[in-house]
Amino acid sequence: MAGNSDLDVAYVARLARINLTEDEAKVFQQQLDDVLKYVDKLRQVDVTGVDAAAHALPVFNVFREDAPRDWFTVEQALSNAPRQANGLFVVPKVVE
């Protein structure tokens, strides 16, 4: 039942335990063949000189530089904690 492609939609549907009628399999096979023909057509396009990630708008990194700096001490981080023990936050048990 496989048309132009090596991929048989009816066979894959059986593997995936999807019940397709013969008509549905024929329709999906034709759609798959059409997609694969289009992919082959795209492969024929000469893309030399085209950037791999060309965008319509300029793309730039908006992240700050990752540099080490002073941060909270354990005491500062736990200063507003409702409950703490041994330098750790104490939270209610949620799993039984």
N, C-alpha and C. Protein backbone atom coordinates (compact mmCIF):
# COMPACT_ATOMS: atom_id res chain seq x y z
N MET A 1 0.82 -1.19 0.00
CA MET A 1 0.00 0.00 0.00
C MET A 1 0.86 1.25 0.00
N ALA A 2 2.14 1.12 0.29
CA ALA A 2 3.00 2.30 0.29
C ALA A 2 3.09 2.85 -1.11
N GLY A 3 2.87 4.16 -1.23
CA GLY A 3 2.92 4.81 -2.54
C GLY A 3 4.35 5.11 -2.92
N ASN A 4 4.68 6.38 -3.03
CA ASN A 4 6.01 6.80 -3.44
C ASN A 4 7.02 6.71 -2.30
N SER A 5 6.55 6.71 -1.08
CA SER A 5 7.47 6.73 0.06
C SER A 5 7.75 5.30 0.54
N ASP A 6 8.82 5.16 1.28
CA ASP A 6 9.15 3.88 1.88
C ASP A 6 8.36 3.65 3.17
N LEU A 7 7.65 4.67 3.62
CA LEU A 7 6.91 4.59 4.87
C LEU A 7 5.46 4.22 4.58
N ASP A 8 5.04 3.09 5.10
CA ASP A 8 3.68 2.60 4.89
C ASP A 8 2.81 3.05 6.06
N VAL A 9 1.86 3.92 5.78
CA VAL A 9 1.01 4.49 6.83
C VAL A 9 0.20 3.40 7.52
N ALA A 10 -0.33 2.46 6.78
CA ALA A 10 -1.15 1.39 7.38
C ALA A 10 -0.30 0.56 8.34
N TYR A 11 0.95 0.28 7.95
CA TYR A 11 1.85 -0.51 8.81
C TYR A 11 2.16 0.25 10.10
N VAL A 12 2.48 1.54 9.98
CA VAL A 12 2.79 2.35 11.16
C VAL A 12 1.55 2.47 12.05
N ALA A 13 0.39 2.60 11.45
CA ALA A 13 -0.85 2.67 12.24
C ALA A 13 -1.06 1.39 13.04
N ARG A 14 -0.77 0.24 12.42
CA ARG A 14 -0.89 -1.03 13.16
C ARG A 14 0.10 -1.08 14.31
N LEU A 15 1.34 -0.63 14.06
CA LEU A 15 2.34 -0.62 15.14
C LEU A 15 1.90 0.28 16.29
N ALA A 16 1.26 1.40 15.95
CA ALA A 16 0.82 2.35 16.97
C ALA A 16 -0.54 1.98 17.54
N ARG A 17 -1.08 0.86 17.05
CA ARG A 17 -2.40 0.38 17.50
C ARG A 17 -3.49 1.42 17.25
N ILE A 18 -3.41 2.02 16.06
CA ILE A 18 -4.43 2.97 15.62
C ILE A 18 -5.25 2.26 14.55
N ASN A 19 -6.53 2.17 14.77
CA ASN A 19 -7.40 1.49 13.81
C ASN A 19 -7.80 2.45 12.71
N LEU A 20 -7.23 2.24 11.52
CA LEU A 20 -7.59 3.05 10.36
C LEU A 20 -8.34 2.18 9.37
N THR A 21 -9.34 2.78 8.76
CA THR A 21 -9.99 2.07 7.66
C THR A 21 -9.06 2.12 6.46
N GLU A 22 -9.35 1.31 5.46
CA GLU A 22 -8.51 1.30 4.27
C GLU A 22 -8.55 2.65 3.57
N ASP A 23 -9.72 3.28 3.56
CA ASP A 23 -9.84 4.60 2.93
C ASP A 23 -9.02 5.65 3.68
N GLU A 24 -9.08 5.61 5.02
CA GLU A 24 -8.28 6.55 5.81
C GLU A 24 -6.79 6.35 5.56
N ALA A 25 -6.36 5.11 5.50
CA ALA A 25 -4.95 4.82 5.25
C ALA A 25 -4.53 5.34 3.89
N LYS A 26 -5.38 5.19 2.88
CA LYS A 26 -5.07 5.70 1.54
C LYS A 26 -4.94 7.22 1.55
N VAL A 27 -5.86 7.90 2.25
CA VAL A 27 -5.81 9.36 2.32
C VAL A 27 -4.54 9.82 3.03
N PHE A 28 -4.24 9.21 4.18
CA PHE A 28 -3.04 9.59 4.93
C PHE A 28 -1.77 9.27 4.14
N GLN A 29 -1.77 8.15 3.42
CA GLN A 29 -0.60 7.79 2.61
C GLN A 29 -0.39 8.84 1.52
N GLN A 30 -1.47 9.28 0.89
CA GLN A 30 -1.35 10.30 -0.15
C GLN A 30 -0.85 11.62 0.44
N GLN A 31 -1.36 11.98 1.63
CA GLN A 31 -0.90 13.21 2.28
C GLN A 31 0.58 13.11 2.64
N LEU A 32 1.00 11.96 3.14
CA LEU A 32 2.41 11.76 3.47
C LEU A 32 3.27 11.86 2.21
N ASP A 33 2.84 11.22 1.14
CA ASP A 33 3.58 11.29 -0.11
C ASP A 33 3.70 12.72 -0.61
N ASP A 34 2.62 13.50 -0.47
CA ASP A 34 2.66 14.91 -0.90
C ASP A 34 3.66 15.71 -0.07
N VAL A 35 3.69 15.47 1.23
CA VAL A 35 4.63 16.17 2.11
C VAL A 35 6.06 15.80 1.74
N LEU A 36 6.31 14.52 1.51
CA LEU A 36 7.66 14.09 1.17
C LEU A 36 8.10 14.62 -0.19
N LYS A 37 7.17 14.74 -1.14
CA LYS A 37 7.49 15.34 -2.44
C LYS A 37 7.88 16.80 -2.25
N TYR A 38 7.17 17.49 -1.38
CA TYR A 38 7.48 18.90 -1.13
C TYR A 38 8.85 19.04 -0.46
N VAL A 39 9.17 18.14 0.45
CA VAL A 39 10.49 18.16 1.10
C VAL A 39 11.58 17.94 0.06
N ASP A 40 11.36 17.00 -0.84
CA ASP A 40 12.34 16.78 -1.91
C ASP A 40 12.50 18.03 -2.78
N LYS A 41 11.40 18.71 -3.04
CA LYS A 41 11.44 19.95 -3.82
C LYS A 41 12.25 21.02 -3.08
N LEU A 42 12.08 21.11 -1.77
CA LEU A 42 12.84 22.08 -0.97
C LEU A 42 14.33 21.73 -0.96
N ARG A 43 14.66 20.45 -0.98
CA ARG A 43 16.07 20.04 -0.98
C ARG A 43 16.78 20.46 -2.26
N GLN A 44 16.04 20.69 -3.33
CA GLN A 44 16.64 21.06 -4.60
C GLN A 44 16.99 22.54 -4.67
N VAL A 45 16.51 23.33 -3.74
CA VAL A 45 16.75 24.77 -3.75
C VAL A 45 18.20 25.06 -3.39
N ASP A 46 18.83 25.96 -4.16
CA ASP A 46 20.22 26.34 -3.90
C ASP A 46 20.24 27.37 -2.76
N VAL A 47 20.80 26.99 -1.63
CA VAL A 47 20.83 27.87 -0.46
C VAL A 47 22.24 28.32 -0.13
N THR A 48 23.14 28.23 -1.09
CA THR A 48 24.50 28.70 -0.84
C THR A 48 24.46 30.20 -0.63
N GLY A 49 25.16 30.66 0.37
CA GLY A 49 25.19 32.08 0.68
C GLY A 49 24.07 32.54 1.59
N VAL A 50 23.18 31.64 1.97
CA VAL A 50 22.08 31.99 2.88
C VAL A 50 22.48 31.57 4.28
N ASP A 51 22.35 32.50 5.22
CA ASP A 51 22.67 32.17 6.61
C ASP A 51 21.78 31.05 7.11
N ALA A 52 22.34 30.20 7.94
CA ALA A 52 21.59 29.06 8.47
C ALA A 52 20.39 29.49 9.30
N ALA A 53 20.50 30.59 10.00
CA ALA A 53 19.40 31.04 10.85
C ALA A 53 19.03 32.46 10.47
N ALA A 54 18.61 32.65 9.25
CA ALA A 54 18.21 33.98 8.79
C ALA A 54 16.86 34.34 9.40
N HIS A 55 16.75 35.58 9.89
CA HIS A 55 15.51 36.05 10.51
C HIS A 55 15.10 37.37 9.87
N ALA A 56 13.83 37.64 9.87
CA ALA A 56 13.32 38.90 9.32
C ALA A 56 13.73 40.07 10.21
N LEU A 57 13.81 39.83 11.50
CA LEU A 57 14.18 40.87 12.46
C LEU A 57 15.53 40.53 13.07
N PRO A 58 16.30 41.54 13.47
CA PRO A 58 17.59 41.22 14.08
C PRO A 58 17.41 40.46 15.40
N VAL A 59 18.25 39.47 15.60
CA VAL A 59 18.18 38.65 16.81
C VAL A 59 19.44 38.94 17.62
N PHE A 60 19.25 39.19 18.90
CA PHE A 60 20.39 39.47 19.76
C PHE A 60 20.12 38.87 21.13
N ASN A 61 21.19 38.66 21.87
CA ASN A 61 21.11 38.06 23.18
C ASN A 61 20.72 39.14 24.20
N VAL A 62 19.64 38.91 24.93
CA VAL A 62 19.18 39.90 25.90
C VAL A 62 19.60 39.56 27.32
N PHE A 63 20.39 38.52 27.48
CA PHE A 63 20.82 38.11 28.81
C PHE A 63 22.00 38.94 29.28
N ARG A 64 22.05 39.15 30.58
CA ARG A 64 23.19 39.88 31.14
C ARG A 64 24.40 38.97 31.14
N GLU A 65 25.55 39.56 31.28
CA GLU A 65 26.77 38.78 31.37
C GLU A 65 26.74 37.97 32.66
N ASP A 66 27.14 36.74 32.57
CA ASP A 66 27.15 35.86 33.73
C ASP A 66 28.46 36.04 34.47
N ALA A 67 28.41 36.88 35.50
CA ALA A 67 29.61 37.16 36.26
C ALA A 67 29.35 36.88 37.74
N PRO A 68 30.31 36.31 38.45
CA PRO A 68 30.10 36.05 39.88
C PRO A 68 29.99 37.35 40.66
N ARG A 69 29.14 37.33 41.68
CA ARG A 69 28.98 38.51 42.54
C ARG A 69 28.49 38.06 43.91
N ASP A 70 28.58 38.96 44.85
CA ASP A 70 28.11 38.65 46.20
C ASP A 70 26.59 38.47 46.17
N TRP A 71 26.13 37.54 46.97
CA TRP A 71 24.70 37.25 47.01
C TRP A 71 24.27 37.16 48.45
N PHE A 72 23.11 36.59 48.70
CA PHE A 72 22.62 36.47 50.06
C PHE A 72 23.48 35.51 50.87
N THR A 73 23.62 35.82 52.15
CA THR A 73 24.20 34.84 53.06
C THR A 73 23.05 33.92 53.48
N VAL A 74 23.37 32.81 54.10
CA VAL A 74 22.34 31.89 54.57
C VAL A 74 21.42 32.60 55.55
N GLU A 75 21.98 33.41 56.42
CA GLU A 75 21.18 34.12 57.42
C GLU A 75 20.21 35.11 56.75
N GLN A 76 20.69 35.82 55.73
CA GLN A 76 19.82 36.76 55.03
C GLN A 76 18.70 36.02 54.30
N ALA A 77 19.00 34.91 53.66
CA ALA A 77 17.99 34.16 52.93
C ALA A 77 16.92 33.60 53.85
N LEU A 78 17.32 33.20 55.05
CA LEU A 78 16.37 32.60 55.99
C LEU A 78 15.73 33.63 56.92
N SER A 79 16.09 34.90 56.80
CA SER A 79 15.63 35.91 57.75
C SER A 79 14.11 36.06 57.79
N ASN A 80 13.40 35.86 56.70
CA ASN A 80 11.94 35.99 56.68
C ASN A 80 11.22 34.65 56.62
N ALA A 81 11.94 33.55 56.75
CA ALA A 81 11.32 32.23 56.68
C ALA A 81 10.44 32.00 57.90
N PRO A 82 9.20 31.56 57.69
CA PRO A 82 8.33 31.28 58.84
C PRO A 82 8.90 30.19 59.74
N ARG A 83 9.53 29.17 59.12
CA ARG A 83 10.14 28.09 59.91
C ARG A 83 11.46 27.72 59.27
N GLN A 84 12.45 27.46 60.13
CA GLN A 84 13.77 27.06 59.66
C GLN A 84 14.42 26.16 60.69
N ALA A 85 15.34 25.33 60.22
CA ALA A 85 16.07 24.44 61.11
C ALA A 85 17.37 24.05 60.43
N ASN A 86 18.45 24.12 61.15
CA ASN A 86 19.77 23.73 60.65
C ASN A 86 20.15 24.44 59.35
N GLY A 87 19.81 25.70 59.24
CA GLY A 87 20.15 26.47 58.05
C GLY A 87 19.32 26.13 56.83
N LEU A 88 18.15 25.52 57.01
CA LEU A 88 17.28 25.12 55.90
C LEU A 88 15.87 25.64 56.13
N PHE A 89 15.13 25.83 55.03
CA PHE A 89 13.71 26.17 55.12
C PHE A 89 12.95 24.93 55.55
N VAL A 90 11.99 25.07 56.45
CA VAL A 90 11.13 23.97 56.85
C VAL A 90 9.76 24.24 56.23
N VAL A 91 9.27 23.29 55.43
CA VAL A 91 7.99 23.45 54.74
C VAL A 91 7.08 22.30 55.13
N PRO A 92 5.76 22.48 54.94
CA PRO A 92 4.84 21.40 55.28
C PRO A 92 5.05 20.18 54.35
N LYS A 93 4.82 19.01 54.88
CA LYS A 93 4.94 17.78 54.11
C LYS A 93 3.74 17.71 53.15
N VAL A 94 4.02 17.46 51.87
CA VAL A 94 2.93 17.42 50.88
C VAL A 94 2.73 16.01 50.32
N VAL A 95 3.62 15.09 50.61
CA VAL A 95 3.48 13.72 50.14
C VAL A 95 3.36 12.80 51.34
N GLU A 96 2.40 11.93 51.29
CA GLU A 96 2.20 11.00 52.41
C GLU A 96 2.84 9.67 52.13
